[in-house]
Structure formats: structure tokens, C-alpha cells
C-alpha atoms as a PDB file:
ATOM      1  CA  MET A   1      -9.437  27.583  59.033  1.00  0.00           C
ATOM      2  CA  ASN A   2      -9.325  28.434  55.367  1.00  0.00           C
ATOM      3  CA  SER A   3     -13.079  26.581  55.149  1.00  0.00           C
ATOM      4  CA  ASN A   4     -12.391  26.457  51.164  1.00  0.00           C
ATOM      5  CA  ALA A   5      -9.688  24.574  51.276  1.00  0.00           C
ATOM      6  CA  GLN A   6     -11.959  21.497  53.512  1.00  0.00           C
ATOM      7  CA  ILE A   7     -14.649  22.035  50.593  1.00  0.00           C
ATOM      8  CA  ILE A   8     -11.717  21.523  47.986  1.00  0.00           C
ATOM      9  CA  ALA A   9     -10.275  18.626  49.632  1.00  0.00           C
ATOM     10  CA  ARG A  10     -13.717  16.813  50.245  1.00  0.00           C
ATOM     11  CA  GLU A  11     -15.185  17.113  46.913  1.00  0.00           C
ATOM     12  CA  SER A  12     -12.068  16.508  45.139  1.00  0.00           C
ATOM     13  CA  LYS A  13     -13.443  12.718  45.964  1.00  0.00           C
ATOM     14  CA  SER A  14      -9.299  12.081  46.241  1.00  0.00           C
ATOM     15  CA  SER A  15      -7.625   9.086  48.433  1.00  0.00           C
ATOM     16  CA  PHE A  16      -5.914  12.067  50.017  1.00  0.00           C
ATOM     17  CA  TYR A  17      -9.495  13.129  51.905  1.00  0.00           C
ATOM     18  CA  TYR A  18     -10.275   9.553  53.467  1.00  0.00           C
ATOM     19  CA  ALA A  19      -6.451   9.334  54.144  1.00  0.00           C
ATOM     20  CA  PHE A  20      -6.122  12.342  56.289  1.00  0.00           C
ATOM     21  CA  ASN A  21      -9.584  12.935  57.387  1.00  0.00           C
ATOM     22  CA  LEU A  22      -8.678  10.829  60.400  1.00  0.00           C
ATOM     23  CA  LEU A  23      -5.687  12.612  61.474  1.00  0.00           C
ATOM     24  CA  GLY A  24      -7.440  14.942  64.426  1.00  0.00           C
ATOM     25  CA  LYS A  25      -8.746  18.501  64.061  1.00  0.00           C
ATOM     26  CA  GLU A  26      -5.129  20.401  63.610  1.00  0.00           C
ATOM     27  CA  ARG A  27      -3.629  18.332  61.415  1.00  0.00           C
ATOM     28  CA  SER A  28      -6.497  18.088  59.308  1.00  0.00           C
ATOM     29  CA  GLU A  29      -7.040  20.983  58.768  1.00  0.00           C
ATOM     30  CA  ALA A  30      -3.250  21.623  57.998  1.00  0.00           C
ATOM     31  CA  MET A  31      -3.408  18.896  55.300  1.00  0.00           C
ATOM     32  CA  ASN A  32      -7.000  20.585  53.909  1.00  0.00           C
ATOM     33  CA  ILE A  33      -4.907  23.523  52.999  1.00  0.00           C
ATOM     34  CA  VAL A  34      -1.634  21.865  51.228  1.00  0.00           C
ATOM     35  CA  TYR A  35      -4.041  19.764  49.214  1.00  0.00           C
ATOM     36  CA  ALA A  36      -5.780  22.748  48.244  1.00  0.00           C
ATOM     37  CA  PHE A  37      -2.998  24.719  47.494  1.00  0.00           C
ATOM     38  CA  CYS A  38      -1.859  21.623  45.553  1.00  0.00           C
ATOM     39  CA  ARG A  39      -5.022  21.269  43.887  1.00  0.00           C
ATOM     40  CA  LYS A  40      -5.391  24.848  42.513  1.00  0.00           C
ATOM     41  CA  THR A  41      -1.844  24.548  41.361  1.00  0.00           C
ATOM     42  CA  ASP A  42      -3.054  21.513  39.011  1.00  0.00           C
ATOM     43  CA  ASP A  43      -6.005  23.450  38.212  1.00  0.00           C
ATOM     44  CA  ILE A  44      -4.158  26.113  36.499  1.00  0.00           C
ATOM     45  CA  VAL A  45      -2.538  23.721  33.809  1.00  0.00           C
ATOM     46  CA  ASP A  46      -6.002  21.596  33.301  1.00  0.00           C
ATOM     47  CA  GLU A  47      -8.580  24.780  32.475  1.00  0.00           C
ATOM     48  CA  GLU A  48      -9.453  24.431  29.281  1.00  0.00           C
ATOM     49  CA  GLN A  49     -10.884  27.374  28.763  1.00  0.00           C
ATOM     50  CA  PHE A  50      -7.215  28.808  28.606  1.00  0.00           C
ATOM     51  CA  SER A  51      -4.133  28.767  26.212  1.00  0.00           C
ATOM     52  CA  VAL A  52      -0.923  27.435  27.016  1.00  0.00           C
ATOM     53  CA  GLU A  53       0.184  30.890  26.951  1.00  0.00           C
ATOM     54  CA  GLU A  54      -2.155  32.442  29.383  1.00  0.00           C
ATOM     55  CA  LYS A  55      -1.761  29.088  31.743  1.00  0.00           C
ATOM     56  CA  GLU A  56       2.078  29.351  31.640  1.00  0.00           C
ATOM     57  CA  LYS A  57       1.361  32.991  32.800  1.00  0.00           C
ATOM     58  CA  ASN A  58      -1.292  32.280  35.537  1.00  0.00           C
ATOM     59  CA  LEU A  59       1.153  29.620  36.717  1.00  0.00           C
ATOM     60  CA  ALA A  60       3.916  31.989  37.208  1.00  0.00           C
ATOM     61  CA  ASP A  61       1.603  34.742  38.426  1.00  0.00           C
ATOM     62  CA  TRP A  62       0.687  32.024  41.163  1.00  0.00           C
ATOM     63  CA  LYS A  63       4.204  31.351  41.822  1.00  0.00           C
ATOM     64  CA  LYS A  64       4.967  35.237  42.644  1.00  0.00           C
ATOM     65  CA  GLU A  65       2.025  34.924  44.580  1.00  0.00           C
ATOM     66  CA  PHE A  66       3.132  32.192  46.929  1.00  0.00           C
ATOM     67  CA  GLU A  67       6.704  34.131  47.085  1.00  0.00           C
ATOM     68  CA  LEU A  68       4.900  37.102  48.179  1.00  0.00           C
ATOM     69  CA  ALA A  69       3.126  35.099  50.951  1.00  0.00           C
ATOM     70  CA  LEU A  70       6.447  33.449  52.187  1.00  0.00           C
ATOM     71  CA  GLU A  71       7.554  37.204  52.995  1.00  0.00           C
ATOM     72  CA  LYS A  72       4.064  37.825  54.412  1.00  0.00           C
ATOM     73  CA  ASN A  73       2.947  40.275  51.183  1.00  0.00           C
ATOM     74  CA  SER A  74       0.097  38.342  50.041  1.00  0.00           C
ATOM     75  CA  ASP A  75      -3.509  39.124  50.177  1.00  0.00           C
ATOM     76  CA  ASP A  76      -4.354  35.563  49.034  1.00  0.00           C
ATOM     77  CA  LYS A  77      -6.263  33.681  52.229  1.00  0.00           C
ATOM     78  CA  LEU A  78      -5.560  30.039  51.320  1.00  0.00           C
ATOM     79  CA  LEU A  79      -1.399  31.115  50.558  1.00  0.00           C
ATOM     80  CA  SER A  80      -1.816  33.247  54.019  1.00  0.00           C
ATOM     81  CA  ASP A  81      -3.078  29.995  55.646  1.00  0.00           C
ATOM     82  CA  LEU A  82      -0.683  28.088  53.689  1.00  0.00           C
ATOM     83  CA  THR A  83       2.299  30.038  54.962  1.00  0.00           C
ATOM     84  CA  ASP A  84       1.125  29.732  58.464  1.00  0.00           C
ATOM     85  CA  THR A  85       0.983  26.065  58.033  1.00  0.00           C
ATOM     86  CA  ILE A  86       4.481  25.701  56.782  1.00  0.00           C
ATOM     87  CA  SER A  87       5.778  28.240  59.626  1.00  0.00           C
ATOM     88  CA  ARG A  88       3.820  25.983  61.822  1.00  0.00           C
ATOM     89  CA  TYR A  89       5.068  22.687  61.147  1.00  0.00           C
ATOM     90  CA  ASN A  90       8.737  23.458  59.746  1.00  0.00           C
ATOM     91  CA  ILE A  91       7.957  22.884  56.118  1.00  0.00           C
ATOM     92  CA  SER A  92      10.377  23.328  53.311  1.00  0.00           C
ATOM     93  CA  SER A  93       9.379  25.734  50.893  1.00  0.00           C
ATOM     94  CA  GLN A  94      11.316  23.650  48.179  1.00  0.00           C
ATOM     95  CA  PRO A  95       8.435  21.035  47.593  1.00  0.00           C
ATOM     96  CA  PHE A  96       5.774  23.773  46.628  1.00  0.00           C
ATOM     97  CA  PHE A  97       8.038  25.120  43.984  1.00  0.00           C
ATOM     98  CA  ASP A  98       8.852  21.499  42.743  1.00  0.00           C
ATOM     99  CA  LEU A  99       5.366  20.966  42.741  1.00  0.00           C
ATOM    100  CA  ILE A 100       4.991  24.023  40.411  1.00  0.00           C
ATOM    101  CA  ARG A 101       7.773  23.311  38.469  1.00  0.00           C
ATOM    102  CA  GLY A 102       6.272  19.531  38.068  1.00  0.00           C
ATOM    103  CA  MET A 103       2.395  21.538  36.562  1.00  0.00           C
ATOM    104  CA  LYS A 104       5.068  23.692  34.518  1.00  0.00           C
ATOM    105  CA  MET A 105       6.293  20.362  32.928  1.00  0.00           C
ATOM    106  CA  ASP A 106       2.937  19.759  31.502  1.00  0.00           C
ATOM    107  CA  LEU A 107       2.400  22.406  29.683  1.00  0.00           C
ATOM    108  CA  GLU A 108       6.153  22.256  28.168  1.00  0.00           C
ATOM    109  CA  LYS A 109       5.558  18.707  26.915  1.00  0.00           C
ATOM    110  CA  ASN A 110       3.461  16.084  26.318  1.00  0.00           C
ATOM    111  CA  ARG A 111       5.538  13.310  25.752  1.00  0.00           C
ATOM    112  CA  PHE A 112       8.432  11.779  28.032  1.00  0.00           C
ATOM    113  CA  GLN A 113      11.477  10.029  25.808  1.00  0.00           C
ATOM    114  CA  THR A 114      13.126   8.270  28.970  1.00  0.00           C
ATOM    115  CA  PHE A 115      11.776   6.842  32.581  1.00  0.00           C
ATOM    116  CA  GLU A 116      14.586   9.688  33.650  1.00  0.00           C
ATOM    117  CA  GLU A 117      11.998  12.303  32.388  1.00  0.00           C
ATOM    118  CA  THR A 118       8.956  10.292  33.812  1.00  0.00           C
ATOM    119  CA  GLU A 119      10.620   9.768  37.209  1.00  0.00           C
ATOM    120  CA  GLU A 120      11.331  13.767  37.800  1.00  0.00           C
ATOM    121  CA  TYR A 121       7.778  14.312  36.808  1.00  0.00           C
ATOM    122  CA  CYS A 122       6.507  11.844  39.308  1.00  0.00           C
ATOM    123  CA  TYR A 123       8.554  13.323  41.938  1.00  0.00           C
ATOM    124  CA  CYS A 124       7.384  16.755  40.761  1.00  0.00           C
ATOM    125  CA  ALA A 125       3.898  15.672  41.115  1.00  0.00           C
ATOM    126  CA  ALA A 126       3.835  13.355  43.728  1.00  0.00           C
ATOM    127  CA  SER A 127       6.865  13.119  45.888  1.00  0.00           C
ATOM    128  CA  THR A 128       6.580  16.875  46.649  1.00  0.00           C
ATOM    129  CA  VAL A 129       3.375  16.404  48.218  1.00  0.00           C
ATOM    130  CA  GLY A 130       4.470  13.600  50.484  1.00  0.00           C
ATOM    131  CA  LEU A 131       7.569  15.598  51.730  1.00  0.00           C
ATOM    132  CA  MET A 132       5.122  18.417  52.537  1.00  0.00           C
ATOM    133  CA  SER A 133       2.961  16.222  54.179  1.00  0.00           C
ATOM    134  CA  VAL A 134       5.085  14.044  56.507  1.00  0.00           C
ATOM    135  CA  ALA A 135       6.575  17.174  58.208  1.00  0.00           C
ATOM    136  CA  ILE A 136       2.636  17.396  58.997  1.00  0.00           C
ATOM    137  CA  PHE A 137       2.286  13.988  60.299  1.00  0.00           C
ATOM    138  CA  GLY A 138       5.530  14.332  62.405  1.00  0.00           C
ATOM    139  CA  TYR A 139       8.313  12.003  62.328  1.00  0.00           C
ATOM    140  CA  LYS A 140      11.830  10.854  64.380  1.00  0.00           C
ATOM    141  CA  HIS A 141      14.014   9.427  61.437  1.00  0.00           C
ATOM    142  CA  ASP A 142      15.068  11.438  58.901  1.00  0.00           C
ATOM    143  CA  SER A 143      14.764   8.579  56.157  1.00  0.00           C
ATOM    144  CA  ILE A 144      11.393   9.962  56.166  1.00  0.00           C
ATOM    145  CA  HIS A 145      12.131  11.985  53.454  1.00  0.00           C
ATOM    146  CA  GLU A 146      13.111   9.476  51.263  1.00  0.00           C
ATOM    147  CA  TYR A 147      10.290   7.306  52.300  1.00  0.00           C
ATOM    148  CA  ALA A 148       7.872  10.376  51.184  1.00  0.00           C
ATOM    149  CA  VAL A 149      10.238  10.670  47.639  1.00  0.00           C
ATOM    150  CA  ASN A 150       9.630   6.914  47.262  1.00  0.00           C
ATOM    151  CA  LEU A 151       5.896   6.298  47.816  1.00  0.00           C
ATOM    152  CA  GLY A 152       5.127   9.284  46.125  1.00  0.00           C
ATOM    153  CA  LYS A 153       7.066   7.797  42.973  1.00  0.00           C
ATOM    154  CA  ALA A 154       4.957   4.707  43.491  1.00  0.00           C
ATOM    155  CA  LEU A 155       1.500   6.504  43.673  1.00  0.00           C
ATOM    156  CA  GLN A 156       2.055   8.606  40.692  1.00  0.00           C
ATOM    157  CA  LEU A 157       3.450   5.593  38.594  1.00  0.00           C
ATOM    158  CA  THR A 158       0.180   3.780  39.663  1.00  0.00           C
ATOM    159  CA  ASN A 159      -2.053   6.841  38.708  1.00  0.00           C
ATOM    160  CA  ILE A 160       0.083   7.206  35.350  1.00  0.00           C
ATOM    161  CA  ILE A 161      -0.640   3.237  34.788  1.00  0.00           C
ATOM    162  CA  ARG A 162      -4.439   3.548  35.445  1.00  0.00           C
ATOM    163  CA  ASP A 163      -5.097   6.636  33.368  1.00  0.00           C
ATOM    164  CA  VAL A 164      -3.023   5.791  30.528  1.00  0.00           C
ATOM    165  CA  LYS A 165      -6.449   6.008  28.314  1.00  0.00           C
ATOM    166  CA  THR A 166      -7.643   8.978  29.772  1.00  0.00           C
ATOM    167  CA  ASP A 167      -4.466  11.012  29.318  1.00  0.00           C
ATOM    168  CA  THR A 168      -4.409  10.430  25.614  1.00  0.00           C
ATOM    169  CA  LYS A 169      -7.918  12.195  25.145  1.00  0.00           C
ATOM    170  CA  MET A 170      -5.581  15.156  26.267  1.00  0.00           C
ATOM    171  CA  ASN A 171      -2.518  13.942  24.179  1.00  0.00           C
ATOM    172  CA  ARG A 172      -0.552  13.320  26.895  1.00  0.00           C
ATOM    173  CA  ILE A 173       1.525  10.135  27.112  1.00  0.00           C
ATOM    174  CA  TYR A 174       3.391   9.668  30.659  1.00  0.00           C
ATOM    175  CA  LEU A 175       4.657   6.275  29.704  1.00  0.00           C
ATOM    176  CA  PRO A 176       8.228   6.787  28.660  1.00  0.00           C
ATOM    177  CA  LEU A 177       8.765   6.329  24.718  1.00  0.00           C
ATOM    178  CA  GLU A 178      11.787   4.309  25.190  1.00  0.00           C
ATOM    179  CA  ASP A 179       9.485   1.521  26.430  1.00  0.00           C
ATOM    180  CA  PHE A 180       7.206   1.710  23.888  1.00  0.00           C
ATOM    181  CA  GLU A 181      10.479   0.771  21.513  1.00  0.00           C
ATOM    182  CA  ARG A 182      11.087  -1.975  23.834  1.00  0.00           C
ATOM    183  CA  PHE A 183       8.218  -3.672  23.926  1.00  0.00           C
ATOM    184  CA  GLY A 184       7.198  -3.553  20.288  1.00  0.00           C
ATOM    185  CA  TYR A 185       4.441  -0.918  21.021  1.00  0.00           C
ATOM    186  CA  THR A 186       3.290   2.022  19.129  1.00  0.00           C
ATOM    187  CA  GLU A 187       1.792   5.710  20.139  1.00  0.00           C
ATOM    188  CA  GLU A 188      -0.943   4.750  16.861  1.00  0.00           C
ATOM    189  CA  GLU A 189      -1.801   1.628  18.679  1.00  0.00           C
ATOM    190  CA  LEU A 190      -2.287   3.558  22.399  1.00  0.00           C
ATOM    191  CA  PHE A 191      -4.715   5.921  20.788  1.00  0.00           C
ATOM    192  CA  ASN A 192      -6.707   3.620  18.481  1.00  0.00           C
ATOM    193  CA  GLY A 193      -7.355   1.754  21.853  1.00  0.00           C
ATOM    194  CA  VAL A 194      -5.110  -1.523  20.714  1.00  0.00           C
ATOM    195  CA  TYR A 195      -4.835  -3.817  23.321  1.00  0.00           C
ATOM    196  CA  ASN A 196      -2.584  -6.935  22.911  1.00  0.00           C
ATOM    197  CA  SER A 197       0.475  -9.056  24.565  1.00  0.00           C
ATOM    198  CA  ASN A 198       3.130  -6.254  23.681  1.00  0.00           C
ATOM    199  CA  PHE A 199       0.779  -3.243  25.371  1.00  0.00           C
ATOM    200  CA  TYR A 200       0.539  -6.090  28.634  1.00  0.00           C
ATOM    201  CA  GLU A 201       4.464  -6.335  29.106  1.00  0.00           C
ATOM    202  CA  LEU A 202       4.832  -2.545  28.380  1.00  0.00           C
ATOM    203  CA  MET A 203       2.152  -1.863  31.463  1.00  0.00           C
ATOM    204  CA  ASN A 204       3.537  -5.290  33.471  1.00  0.00           C
ATOM    205  CA  PHE A 205       6.923  -3.628  32.903  1.00  0.00           C
ATOM    206  CA  GLN A 206       5.789  -0.201  34.551  1.00  0.00           C
ATOM    207  CA  ALA A 207       3.807  -2.114  37.240  1.00  0.00           C
ATOM    208  CA  GLU A 208       7.179  -3.791  38.254  1.00  0.00           C
ATOM    209  CA  ARG A 209       8.806  -0.258  38.510  1.00  0.00           C
ATOM    210  CA  ALA A 210       5.868   0.914  40.885  1.00  0.00           C
ATOM    211  CA  GLN A 211       6.680  -2.282  43.212  1.00  0.00           C
ATOM    212  CA  LYS A 212       9.993  -1.848  43.706  1.00  0.00           C
ATOM    213  CA  TYR A 213       9.098   2.193  44.939  1.00  0.00           C
ATOM    214  CA  PHE A 214       6.327   0.348  47.024  1.00  0.00           C
ATOM    215  CA  ASP A 215       9.113  -1.730  48.478  1.00  0.00           C
ATOM    216  CA  LYS A 216      11.500   0.823  48.941  1.00  0.00           C
ATOM    217  CA  ALA A 217       9.464   2.772  50.796  1.00  0.00           C
ATOM    218  CA  ASP A 218       8.373   0.119  53.301  1.00  0.00           C
ATOM    219  CA  SER A 219      11.833  -0.357  53.953  1.00  0.00           C
ATOM    220  CA  LEU A 220      12.514   2.948  54.895  1.00  0.00           C
ATOM    221  CA  LEU A 221       9.632   3.408  57.599  1.00  0.00           C
ATOM    222  CA  HIS A 222      10.838   2.886  61.017  1.00  0.00           C
ATOM    223  CA  LEU A 223       8.667   1.099  63.515  1.00  0.00           C
ATOM    224  CA  GLU A 224       8.571   4.254  65.680  1.00  0.00           C
ATOM    225  CA  ASP A 225       7.237   6.557  62.492  1.00  0.00           C
ATOM    226  CA  LYS A 226       4.618   3.908  61.566  1.00  0.00           C
ATOM    227  CA  LYS A 227       2.046   5.453  63.887  1.00  0.00           C
ATOM    228  CA  ASN A 228       2.385   8.972  62.688  1.00  0.00           C
ATOM    229  CA  MET A 229       2.378   7.875  58.981  1.00  0.00           C
ATOM    230  CA  PHE A 230      -0.620   6.114  59.131  1.00  0.00           C
ATOM    231  CA  ALA A 231      -2.372   8.504  56.614  1.00  0.00           C
ATOM    232  CA  ALA A 232       0.473   7.856  54.108  1.00  0.00           C
ATOM    233  CA  GLN A 233       0.253   4.158  54.594  1.00  0.00           C
ATOM    234  CA  ALA A 234      -3.622   4.528  53.928  1.00  0.00           C
ATOM    235  CA  MET A 235      -2.620   6.201  50.418  1.00  0.00           C
ATOM    236  CA  ARG A 236       0.238   3.430  50.253  1.00  0.00           C
ATOM    237  CA  HIS A 237      -2.800   0.744  50.758  1.00  0.00           C
ATOM    238  CA  ILE A 238      -5.020   2.001  48.350  1.00  0.00           C
ATOM    239  CA  TYR A 239      -2.577   2.678  45.898  1.00  0.00           C
ATOM    240  CA  TYR A 240      -1.301  -0.668  46.335  1.00  0.00           C
ATOM    241  CA  LYS A 241      -5.018  -2.475  45.966  1.00  0.00           C
ATOM    242  CA  LEU A 242      -5.286  -0.157  42.608  1.00  0.00           C
ATOM    243  CA  LEU A 243      -2.287  -1.521  41.244  1.00  0.00           C
ATOM    244  CA  THR A 244      -3.514  -4.990  42.094  1.00  0.00           C
ATOM    245  CA  LYS A 245      -6.448  -4.430  40.569  1.00  0.00           C
ATOM    246  CA  LEU A 246      -4.820  -3.187  37.163  1.00  0.00           C
ATOM    247  CA  ARG A 247      -2.391  -6.473  37.451  1.00  0.00           C
ATOM    248  CA  ASN A 248      -5.413  -8.610  37.954  1.00  0.00           C
ATOM    249  CA  ASN A 249      -7.216  -7.398  35.485  1.00  0.00           C
ATOM    250  CA  LYS A 250      -4.041  -7.628  32.923  1.00  0.00           C
ATOM    251  CA  PHE A 251      -4.261  -3.778  32.501  1.00  0.00           C
ATOM    252  CA  ASP A 252      -6.956  -4.028  30.175  1.00  0.00           C
ATOM    253  CA  ILE A 253      -7.747  -0.106  30.730  1.00  0.00           C
ATOM    254  CA  PHE A 254      -8.990   0.076  27.151  1.00  0.00           C
ATOM    255  CA  SER A 255     -12.635  -2.037  28.061  1.00  0.00           C
ATOM    256  CA  GLN A 256     -13.132  -1.126  31.466  1.00  0.00           C
ATOM    257  CA  ASN A 257     -12.614   1.400  34.348  1.00  0.00           C
ATOM    258  CA  ILE A 258     -10.260  -0.267  36.749  1.00  0.00           C
ATOM    259  CA  ASN A 259     -10.410   1.726  40.373  1.00  0.00           C
ATOM    260  CA  VAL A 260     -10.945   1.515  44.237  1.00  0.00           C
ATOM    261  CA  ASP A 261     -14.040   2.168  44.913  1.00  0.00           C
ATOM    262  CA  LYS A 262     -15.177   5.068  47.560  1.00  0.00           C
ATOM    263  CA  ARG A 263     -16.206   2.274  50.025  1.00  0.00           C
ATOM    264  CA  ASP A 264     -12.981   0.662  49.966  1.00  0.00           C
ATOM    265  CA  LYS A 265     -10.899   3.766  50.228  1.00  0.00           C
ATOM    266  CA  LEU A 266     -13.286   4.521  53.614  1.00  0.00           C
ATOM    267  CA  PHE A 267     -12.660   0.825  54.623  1.00  0.00           C
ATOM    268  CA  ILE A 268      -8.884   0.923  54.125  1.00  0.00           C
ATOM    269  CA  ALA A 269      -8.532   4.641  55.924  1.00  0.00           C
ATOM    270  CA  LEU A 270     -10.240   3.086  58.618  1.00  0.00           C
ATOM    271  CA  GLY A 271      -8.511   0.060  58.938  1.00  0.00           C
ATOM    272  CA  THR A 272      -4.997   1.469  58.402  1.00  0.00           C
ATOM    273  CA  TRP A 273      -5.766   4.222  61.293  1.00  0.00           C
ATOM    274  CA  PHE A 274      -6.640   1.479  63.508  1.00  0.00           C
ATOM    275  CA  LYS A 275      -3.964  -0.528  63.241  1.00  0.00           C
ATOM    276  CA  TYR A 276      -1.211   1.878  63.044  1.00  0.00           C
ATOM    277  CA  THR A 277      -2.463   3.711  65.978  1.00  0.00           C
ATOM    278  CA  MET A 278      -3.391   0.651  68.220  1.00  0.00           C
ATOM    279  CA  LEU A 279      -0.509  -1.577  67.395  1.00  0.00           C
ATOM    280  CA  TYR A 280       2.521   1.141  67.327  1.00  0.00           C
END
């Protein structure tokens, strides 16, 4: 196994690490490799020492190297391991290219005019990871793909809600600007940290959207697939707890850091693993 992949997953402190660390050795290793690819792709865009032009070149080079790896012509250890994982679990390569496309979107624009644009970004940034993952988890019903797409959008929208303040530091707004206009809240107010009823309504509207994606994902998960999807469902419960905390705190992300702590993530992952492996 690529030990660096496991290190990347562990040191990221991501909810993903707590969710898929209980999968069993082979699948856990596969998920570490997939996650390392996702992390590396994201890091190319976030590296502050490079200009936008340099990041675009680095991302294009990374895409080309991935294409070479798919043809068994790459010397990159992570990508070679990833190619083996893709082959072993019969994972479509398209979600990997879509993830790269999503990261390219981060370089091309820092505003989204409509929800359709935000939704596309959510698909590229998160649903793609779900589509990669369900192939590793194993499934019986094809509806699992739509489950992964909807759950990914729910998770990413929840992330966007939580990170609204943080994203302004990078001059990024992922919420649709059409919704700012709808609720009478401005970019200037956001960058100045203005918390008022208009901001609450704007954020609550996004939370309701995320809720619908959570509900849609739940409706698509067949009973026969629940046992294999415990890692995905752990992610679902962690992020749903985050969405609930954001709601309970009235989305006041300017005056407090609203998140799910490490202990809660671990307990949720363990509880979900026990429930899904014992009951299904």
C-alpha cells in the first residue's frame, strides 16, 4: 500500500478518516488511496505560493499524469496505486476527471450566479467522491449512484454553509448571488460580517436545500445496501449533526466556530458501524 496515502488521510483530520477507518484492511487502504488523490487534487488549487496560472498548469499536468496512469505509463506511486484500485473495484474514471474539473472551477471563478452553478460545483467537489467510494464499499442496487450524488451535494452544501466566513478570506462565495438578491443581503455585508435577519433567511434557505438532498439520498438507499454503506452513512450522520448545529445556532458563523468535534465524529462513526453491521 502507498503509506503516504494513509498519512494524508490521517493528518487531514477529515470526517472521511473516521468514517472509512472501520471498513476493513483492504477497503480501508483503497479508500485512503482515493482520498489521497482527492486531497492532492484539492491542494494543487489551494497552494498559496503559486499564481493562478501556475496552478492551472499544475492541475493540467496532474490530469495528464492521471491519464498516463490509466494507461499504465506513469511513474507516480500514488497514481499507479490509484489505477490498481480503480481496476480492482471497477470504478469509473469519470468521477476522477469531474473532480479535477471542479477544482479547475475554483481557479476560473470565485462567484456563482445561480444555484445551478453551485450545484454543479457540489457535484464535482463531493458527489464524485461518493461515486468513487460506493464502488469500493460494494452494492447490489444501481440506485446507489443517485444516492451518492445526492448525499455528496448535501455534504458539500453543508460545508459551504459552515465555511461562508472562511471562504471570504479567499475572496470566494459559493452561495448563489441570485439568493443574495432574493433575501436582500449583500456581498459587502458578508465581507463585513454583518449578521441580521436577512443573512439568517439566506442561510436557512440553503440549509433547507441541503435537507432535501439528505432526504433524497435516504430514500434511494435500499435495505440490502445499508450494511455496505455504513461508512457513507457515518458521513451522512456527521454532516447532518453539523447542519443541525448550524440551525440551532441560527447560522451565526461570524461570532462562533460551529463544527462537530473529533470525539463526536469518532462516536458517530463507531455507532453507525455497530448499527449497520449488527442490524443489517
